[in-house]
N, C-alpha and C. Protein backbone atom coordinates (compact mmCIF):
# COMPACT_ATOMS: atom_id res chain seq x y z
N MET A 1 117.66 81.44 150.44
CA MET A 1 118.20 81.63 149.10
C MET A 1 117.30 82.61 148.34
N ASN A 2 117.91 83.48 147.55
CA ASN A 2 117.18 84.44 146.75
C ASN A 2 117.18 83.99 145.30
N ASP A 3 115.99 83.86 144.73
CA ASP A 3 115.84 83.50 143.32
C ASP A 3 115.47 84.77 142.57
N ILE A 4 116.35 85.25 141.71
CA ILE A 4 116.11 86.51 140.99
C ILE A 4 115.82 86.28 139.51
N SER A 5 115.35 85.09 139.18
CA SER A 5 115.02 84.78 137.78
C SER A 5 113.91 85.69 137.27
N ALA A 6 114.04 86.12 136.04
CA ALA A 6 113.02 86.97 135.42
C ALA A 6 112.28 86.25 134.30
N SER A 7 112.63 85.00 134.07
CA SER A 7 111.96 84.23 133.02
C SER A 7 110.48 84.14 133.34
N GLY A 8 109.66 84.56 132.39
CA GLY A 8 108.22 84.59 132.58
C GLY A 8 107.66 85.99 132.69
N LEU A 9 108.52 87.01 132.60
CA LEU A 9 108.07 88.40 132.63
C LEU A 9 107.10 88.65 131.47
N SER A 10 106.03 89.38 131.75
CA SER A 10 105.14 89.82 130.67
C SER A 10 104.72 91.25 130.97
N ILE A 11 104.41 91.98 129.90
CA ILE A 11 104.03 93.38 130.03
C ILE A 11 102.71 93.60 129.30
N GLN A 12 101.75 94.17 130.00
CA GLN A 12 100.48 94.55 129.41
C GLN A 12 100.59 96.03 129.05
N ILE A 13 100.33 96.36 127.78
CA ILE A 13 100.44 97.73 127.30
C ILE A 13 99.07 98.19 126.82
N LEU A 14 98.60 99.31 127.39
CA LEU A 14 97.34 99.91 126.97
C LEU A 14 97.63 101.30 126.43
N ALA A 15 97.10 101.60 125.26
CA ALA A 15 97.21 102.93 124.66
C ALA A 15 95.78 103.39 124.42
N ASP A 16 95.37 104.48 125.02
CA ASP A 16 93.95 104.84 125.08
C ASP A 16 93.26 104.95 123.73
N LYS A 17 93.98 105.26 122.67
CA LYS A 17 93.34 105.36 121.35
C LYS A 17 93.71 104.19 120.43
N THR A 18 94.98 103.84 120.35
CA THR A 18 95.43 102.82 119.40
C THR A 18 95.16 101.40 119.89
N PHE A 19 95.36 101.14 121.17
CA PHE A 19 95.10 99.82 121.77
C PHE A 19 94.33 99.99 123.08
N PRO A 20 93.05 100.41 123.00
CA PRO A 20 92.30 100.66 124.23
C PRO A 20 92.09 99.40 125.09
N ASN A 21 92.08 98.23 124.48
CA ASN A 21 91.95 96.98 125.24
C ASN A 21 93.32 96.42 125.62
N GLY A 22 94.36 97.02 125.10
CA GLY A 22 95.72 96.61 125.43
C GLY A 22 96.16 95.36 124.70
N PHE A 23 97.44 95.04 124.88
CA PHE A 23 97.99 93.79 124.37
C PHE A 23 99.09 93.35 125.32
N THR A 24 99.32 92.05 125.34
CA THR A 24 100.37 91.49 126.19
C THR A 24 101.63 91.33 125.38
N PHE A 25 102.72 91.84 125.92
CA PHE A 25 104.02 91.73 125.26
C PHE A 25 104.91 90.78 126.04
N ASN A 26 105.47 89.78 125.34
CA ASN A 26 106.45 88.89 125.98
C ASN A 26 107.49 88.37 125.00
N GLU A 27 107.63 89.01 123.85
CA GLU A 27 108.61 88.61 122.84
C GLU A 27 109.88 89.45 122.99
N PHE A 28 110.60 89.22 124.10
CA PHE A 28 111.78 90.02 124.43
C PHE A 28 112.99 89.58 123.62
N ALA A 29 113.81 90.56 123.26
CA ALA A 29 115.03 90.32 122.50
C ALA A 29 116.04 89.51 123.33
N ASP A 30 116.92 88.79 122.62
CA ASP A 30 117.97 88.02 123.29
C ASP A 30 119.32 88.72 123.24
N ASP A 31 119.44 89.81 122.49
CA ASP A 31 120.73 90.47 122.32
C ASP A 31 120.79 91.87 122.93
N ALA A 32 119.79 92.21 123.73
CA ALA A 32 119.76 93.49 124.43
C ALA A 32 118.93 93.28 125.70
N ASP A 33 119.08 94.17 126.67
CA ASP A 33 118.29 94.04 127.89
C ASP A 33 116.81 94.04 127.53
N PRO A 34 116.08 92.98 127.90
CA PRO A 34 114.68 92.87 127.50
C PRO A 34 113.79 94.01 127.97
N PHE A 35 113.90 94.36 129.25
CA PHE A 35 113.07 95.41 129.84
C PHE A 35 113.97 96.19 130.79
N ASP A 36 114.22 97.44 130.47
CA ASP A 36 115.16 98.23 131.24
C ASP A 36 114.46 99.43 131.87
N LEU A 37 114.57 99.51 133.19
CA LEU A 37 114.14 100.69 133.93
C LEU A 37 115.42 101.32 134.49
N PRO A 38 115.98 102.31 133.80
CA PRO A 38 117.28 102.84 134.22
C PRO A 38 117.21 103.64 135.51
N SER A 39 118.37 103.87 136.06
CA SER A 39 118.51 104.67 137.27
C SER A 39 117.89 106.05 137.04
N LEU A 40 117.34 106.61 138.10
CA LEU A 40 116.66 107.89 138.01
C LEU A 40 117.29 108.86 139.00
N GLU A 41 117.77 109.98 138.52
CA GLU A 41 118.34 111.00 139.41
C GLU A 41 117.20 111.73 140.11
N ILE A 42 117.17 111.66 141.45
CA ILE A 42 116.06 112.26 142.18
C ILE A 42 116.43 113.58 142.86
N ALA A 43 117.71 113.93 142.87
CA ALA A 43 118.13 115.19 143.46
C ALA A 43 119.40 115.66 142.76
N ALA A 44 119.60 116.97 142.80
CA ALA A 44 120.82 117.57 142.26
C ALA A 44 121.48 118.36 143.38
N THR A 45 122.77 118.60 143.21
CA THR A 45 123.51 119.30 144.25
C THR A 45 124.40 120.37 143.63
N GLY A 46 124.80 121.28 144.46
CA GLY A 46 125.74 122.32 144.07
C GLY A 46 126.36 122.91 145.32
N MET A 47 127.28 123.80 145.12
CA MET A 47 127.93 124.49 146.23
C MET A 47 127.65 125.98 146.09
N ASN A 48 127.31 126.61 147.20
CA ASN A 48 127.06 128.04 147.13
C ASN A 48 128.38 128.81 147.22
N LEU A 49 128.30 130.10 147.18
CA LEU A 49 129.47 130.98 147.19
C LEU A 49 130.39 130.73 148.38
N ASN A 50 129.82 130.33 149.50
CA ASN A 50 130.61 130.13 150.72
C ASN A 50 131.00 128.67 150.93
N GLY A 51 130.79 127.83 149.94
CA GLY A 51 131.22 126.44 150.03
C GLY A 51 130.24 125.51 150.72
N SER A 52 129.01 125.95 150.97
CA SER A 52 128.01 125.10 151.60
C SER A 52 127.25 124.33 150.53
N LEU A 53 126.94 123.11 150.85
CA LEU A 53 126.18 122.25 149.93
C LEU A 53 124.74 122.72 149.86
N VAL A 54 124.23 122.83 148.65
CA VAL A 54 122.81 123.09 148.45
C VAL A 54 122.26 121.96 147.59
N THR A 55 121.03 121.59 147.84
CA THR A 55 120.39 120.50 147.10
C THR A 55 119.01 120.94 146.65
N TRP A 56 118.52 120.29 145.63
CA TRP A 56 117.16 120.53 145.17
C TRP A 56 116.66 119.28 144.46
N THR A 57 115.37 119.16 144.45
CA THR A 57 114.75 118.04 143.75
C THR A 57 113.82 118.59 142.68
N ALA A 58 113.69 117.83 141.64
CA ALA A 58 112.77 118.18 140.56
C ALA A 58 112.23 116.88 139.99
N PRO A 59 110.96 116.84 139.62
CA PRO A 59 110.39 115.62 139.06
C PRO A 59 111.12 115.20 137.79
N GLN A 60 111.27 113.91 137.61
CA GLN A 60 111.90 113.36 136.42
C GLN A 60 110.97 112.29 135.83
N PRO A 61 110.91 112.16 134.52
CA PRO A 61 110.11 111.08 133.94
C PRO A 61 110.77 109.73 134.17
N ILE A 62 109.97 108.71 134.25
CA ILE A 62 110.45 107.33 134.34
C ILE A 62 110.52 106.82 132.91
N VAL A 63 111.71 106.35 132.48
CA VAL A 63 111.97 106.09 131.06
C VAL A 63 112.37 104.63 130.83
N PRO A 64 111.38 103.72 130.72
CA PRO A 64 111.70 102.33 130.43
C PRO A 64 111.90 102.09 128.94
N THR A 65 112.66 101.05 128.64
CA THR A 65 112.86 100.61 127.26
C THR A 65 112.53 99.13 127.16
N ILE A 66 111.79 98.79 126.11
CA ILE A 66 111.49 97.39 125.79
C ILE A 66 112.27 97.05 124.53
N ASN A 67 113.05 95.97 124.57
CA ASN A 67 113.76 95.47 123.39
C ASN A 67 113.02 94.25 122.88
N ALA A 68 112.58 94.33 121.63
CA ALA A 68 111.69 93.32 121.06
C ALA A 68 112.36 92.50 119.96
N ILE A 69 111.91 91.26 119.84
CA ILE A 69 112.32 90.41 118.72
C ILE A 69 111.71 91.01 117.45
N PRO A 70 112.52 91.35 116.45
CA PRO A 70 111.98 91.96 115.24
C PRO A 70 111.00 91.04 114.53
N GLY A 71 109.85 91.61 114.15
CA GLY A 71 108.85 90.86 113.41
C GLY A 71 107.92 90.01 114.26
N SER A 72 108.13 89.96 115.56
CA SER A 72 107.24 89.18 116.43
C SER A 72 105.90 89.90 116.55
N ASP A 73 104.88 89.20 117.03
CA ASP A 73 103.56 89.82 117.19
C ASP A 73 103.64 91.05 118.09
N GLY A 74 104.35 90.93 119.20
CA GLY A 74 104.49 92.06 120.12
C GLY A 74 105.21 93.23 119.49
N GLU A 75 106.25 92.94 118.73
CA GLU A 75 107.00 94.01 118.07
C GLU A 75 106.14 94.69 117.01
N ARG A 76 105.32 93.93 116.31
CA ARG A 76 104.42 94.54 115.31
C ARG A 76 103.44 95.49 116.00
N ASN A 77 102.95 95.11 117.18
CA ASN A 77 102.05 96.00 117.92
C ASN A 77 102.78 97.26 118.38
N LEU A 78 104.02 97.11 118.84
CA LEU A 78 104.80 98.30 119.22
C LEU A 78 105.06 99.19 118.01
N ALA A 79 105.30 98.59 116.85
CA ALA A 79 105.52 99.36 115.62
C ALA A 79 104.25 100.11 115.22
N ILE A 80 103.09 99.49 115.39
CA ILE A 80 101.81 100.17 115.11
C ILE A 80 101.64 101.36 116.04
N LEU A 81 101.94 101.16 117.33
CA LEU A 81 101.85 102.23 118.32
C LEU A 81 102.82 103.37 117.98
N PHE A 82 104.04 103.00 117.58
CA PHE A 82 105.04 103.99 117.17
C PHE A 82 104.54 104.82 115.99
N GLU A 83 104.07 104.17 114.96
CA GLU A 83 103.63 104.87 113.75
C GLU A 83 102.39 105.73 114.03
N ALA A 84 101.48 105.24 114.87
CA ALA A 84 100.28 106.00 115.20
C ALA A 84 100.62 107.30 115.93
N ASN A 85 101.74 107.32 116.64
CA ASN A 85 102.11 108.47 117.44
C ASN A 85 103.27 109.29 116.86
N ARG A 86 103.77 108.87 115.70
CA ARG A 86 104.84 109.60 115.03
C ARG A 86 104.25 110.76 114.24
N SER A 87 104.81 111.94 114.44
CA SER A 87 104.35 113.12 113.73
C SER A 87 105.02 113.20 112.36
N ALA A 88 104.25 113.62 111.36
CA ALA A 88 104.77 113.84 110.02
C ALA A 88 103.83 114.78 109.28
N SER A 89 104.32 115.38 108.24
CA SER A 89 103.52 116.30 107.45
C SER A 89 102.27 115.60 106.91
N GLY A 90 101.12 116.22 107.12
CA GLY A 90 99.86 115.69 106.61
C GLY A 90 99.35 114.46 107.34
N LYS A 91 99.91 114.12 108.47
CA LYS A 91 99.55 112.90 109.21
C LYS A 91 98.88 113.28 110.52
N THR A 92 97.82 112.58 110.86
CA THR A 92 97.17 112.76 112.15
C THR A 92 97.88 111.90 113.19
N VAL A 93 98.18 112.49 114.34
CA VAL A 93 98.88 111.79 115.42
C VAL A 93 97.85 111.32 116.45
N ALA A 94 97.97 110.07 116.88
CA ALA A 94 97.00 109.48 117.81
C ALA A 94 97.01 110.15 119.19
N ARG A 95 98.17 110.61 119.64
CA ARG A 95 98.30 111.22 120.97
C ARG A 95 97.88 110.26 122.08
N ASP A 96 98.31 109.02 121.95
CA ASP A 96 97.98 108.00 122.95
C ASP A 96 98.55 108.34 124.32
N VAL A 97 97.77 108.09 125.34
CA VAL A 97 98.24 108.08 126.72
C VAL A 97 98.39 106.61 127.08
N ILE A 98 99.58 106.23 127.52
CA ILE A 98 99.93 104.81 127.67
C ILE A 98 100.04 104.42 129.14
N THR A 99 99.56 103.22 129.43
CA THR A 99 99.74 102.57 130.72
C THR A 99 100.43 101.24 130.45
N MET A 100 101.40 100.91 131.30
CA MET A 100 102.17 99.68 131.14
C MET A 100 102.20 98.96 132.49
N VAL A 101 101.86 97.66 132.48
CA VAL A 101 101.93 96.86 133.71
C VAL A 101 102.85 95.68 133.45
N ALA A 102 104.00 95.68 134.14
CA ALA A 102 104.95 94.57 134.04
C ALA A 102 104.66 93.61 135.19
N THR A 103 104.44 92.34 134.84
CA THR A 103 104.18 91.32 135.85
C THR A 103 105.35 90.35 135.84
N TYR A 104 106.00 90.23 136.99
CA TYR A 104 107.19 89.39 137.15
C TYR A 104 106.80 87.99 137.58
N PRO A 105 107.68 87.02 137.37
CA PRO A 105 107.34 85.63 137.68
C PRO A 105 107.04 85.38 139.15
N ASP A 106 107.53 86.24 140.05
CA ASP A 106 107.23 86.06 141.47
C ASP A 106 105.89 86.67 141.87
N GLY A 107 105.18 87.27 140.90
CA GLY A 107 103.87 87.86 141.15
C GLY A 107 103.91 89.35 141.43
N SER A 108 105.08 89.93 141.58
CA SER A 108 105.16 91.37 141.80
C SER A 108 104.86 92.11 140.49
N THR A 109 104.46 93.36 140.62
CA THR A 109 104.14 94.16 139.43
C THR A 109 104.75 95.55 139.52
N VAL A 110 104.96 96.13 138.36
CA VAL A 110 105.33 97.54 138.21
C VAL A 110 104.30 98.13 137.26
N THR A 111 103.57 99.15 137.73
CA THR A 111 102.58 99.82 136.90
C THR A 111 103.08 101.22 136.60
N LEU A 112 103.20 101.52 135.32
CA LEU A 112 103.63 102.83 134.86
C LEU A 112 102.43 103.47 134.17
N SER A 113 102.12 104.72 134.52
CA SER A 113 100.93 105.34 133.93
C SER A 113 101.20 106.79 133.51
N SER A 114 100.26 107.32 132.76
CA SER A 114 100.36 108.66 132.18
C SER A 114 101.63 108.78 131.35
N GLY A 115 101.74 107.91 130.35
CA GLY A 115 102.97 107.85 129.56
C GLY A 115 102.78 108.10 128.08
N LYS A 116 103.92 108.26 127.42
CA LYS A 116 104.00 108.43 125.97
C LYS A 116 105.13 107.56 125.43
N MET A 117 104.98 107.05 124.23
CA MET A 117 106.11 106.43 123.55
C MET A 117 106.97 107.58 123.04
N THR A 118 108.28 107.49 123.29
CA THR A 118 109.16 108.60 122.91
C THR A 118 110.15 108.24 121.81
N ALA A 119 110.41 106.94 121.59
CA ALA A 119 111.37 106.56 120.55
C ALA A 119 111.09 105.13 120.11
N GLY A 120 111.45 104.86 118.86
CA GLY A 120 111.28 103.52 118.30
C GLY A 120 111.98 103.45 116.95
N PHE A 121 111.78 102.36 116.26
CA PHE A 121 112.43 102.15 114.97
C PHE A 121 111.41 102.24 113.84
N PRO A 122 111.67 103.09 112.84
CA PRO A 122 110.73 103.24 111.73
C PRO A 122 110.83 102.14 110.68
N GLY A 123 111.82 101.27 110.79
CA GLY A 123 111.99 100.21 109.80
C GLY A 123 112.87 99.10 110.34
N LYS A 124 113.37 98.25 109.44
CA LYS A 124 114.20 97.11 109.82
C LYS A 124 115.67 97.44 109.66
N SER A 125 116.45 97.09 110.68
CA SER A 125 117.91 97.26 110.61
C SER A 125 118.56 95.89 110.70
N VAL A 126 119.75 95.79 110.11
CA VAL A 126 120.48 94.51 110.09
C VAL A 126 121.81 94.69 110.80
N ALA A 127 122.14 93.74 111.67
CA ALA A 127 123.41 93.75 112.40
C ALA A 127 124.50 93.14 111.54
N SER A 128 125.76 93.44 111.87
CA SER A 128 126.88 92.92 111.10
C SER A 128 126.98 91.39 111.19
N ALA A 129 126.35 90.81 112.19
CA ALA A 129 126.34 89.34 112.33
C ALA A 129 125.39 88.68 111.34
N GLY A 130 124.66 89.48 110.55
CA GLY A 130 123.77 88.94 109.54
C GLY A 130 122.35 88.71 110.03
N ARG A 131 122.04 89.15 111.21
CA ARG A 131 120.69 88.97 111.74
C ARG A 131 119.99 90.31 111.86
N MET A 132 118.67 90.27 111.95
CA MET A 132 117.90 91.49 112.15
C MET A 132 118.23 92.04 113.53
N LYS A 133 118.33 93.36 113.63
CA LYS A 133 118.58 93.99 114.91
C LYS A 133 117.31 93.98 115.75
N SER A 134 117.49 93.75 117.03
CA SER A 134 116.37 93.89 117.95
C SER A 134 115.90 95.34 117.92
N LYS A 135 114.63 95.53 118.18
CA LYS A 135 114.06 96.88 118.13
C LYS A 135 113.78 97.38 119.54
N ALA A 136 114.35 98.53 119.85
CA ALA A 136 114.15 99.15 121.16
C ALA A 136 113.04 100.19 121.05
N TYR A 137 112.10 100.11 121.97
CA TYR A 137 111.02 101.10 122.05
C TYR A 137 111.09 101.73 123.43
N THR A 138 111.16 103.06 123.46
CA THR A 138 111.33 103.79 124.70
C THR A 138 110.08 104.60 125.01
N PHE A 139 109.78 104.70 126.30
CA PHE A 139 108.60 105.40 126.78
C PHE A 139 109.02 106.37 127.88
N ALA A 140 108.16 107.32 128.20
CA ALA A 140 108.34 108.19 129.35
C ALA A 140 107.03 108.21 130.12
N PHE A 141 107.11 108.00 131.44
CA PHE A 141 105.92 107.94 132.28
C PHE A 141 106.01 108.93 133.42
N GLU A 142 104.85 109.37 133.85
CA GLU A 142 104.74 110.31 134.95
C GLU A 142 104.68 109.60 136.30
N THR A 143 104.04 108.42 136.35
CA THR A 143 103.74 107.78 137.62
C THR A 143 104.18 106.32 137.61
N ILE A 144 104.65 105.85 138.77
CA ILE A 144 104.99 104.44 138.94
C ILE A 144 104.37 103.94 140.24
N SER A 145 103.91 102.70 140.20
CA SER A 145 103.34 102.05 141.37
C SER A 145 103.88 100.63 141.41
N LEU A 146 104.35 100.18 142.57
CA LEU A 146 104.94 98.85 142.72
C LEU A 146 104.12 98.01 143.68
N THR A 147 104.00 96.73 143.37
CA THR A 147 103.42 95.78 144.33
C THR A 147 104.41 94.65 144.52
N ASN A 148 104.48 94.15 145.73
CA ASN A 148 105.36 93.04 146.04
C ASN A 148 104.62 91.72 145.86
N ALA A 149 105.39 90.66 145.72
CA ALA A 149 104.82 89.31 145.56
C ALA A 149 104.13 88.89 146.83
């Protein structure tokens, strides 16, 4: 039997300037995918003038998203990281290089390194259901390393 439960997932996030000692994130949203590593296109294709298939590969960033419970300790840390790295007039940008280690309940890990936060929420949003919207924070990484349980 295969048990694919993800309950117990935790993510250690290190940002070399803003959070050099890192913080553990486990306050995942209930109304959006908690931790998403989307499909990655690793090759492209085309047809040449004579109808032959041609292919090529090009590096692509690994783009995970964390959906956080608004106002939780983990979300506040992600908001601090977002603001530290958001560019604005007259503002110094931290330029954090981020490492993320996701540890799954079966003991396997995903380590993402040489990354940047690329998107987040600058404030609080409210859903039509009358609750605070979960906050999605997106990153882009250069490298991934996997370990099995």
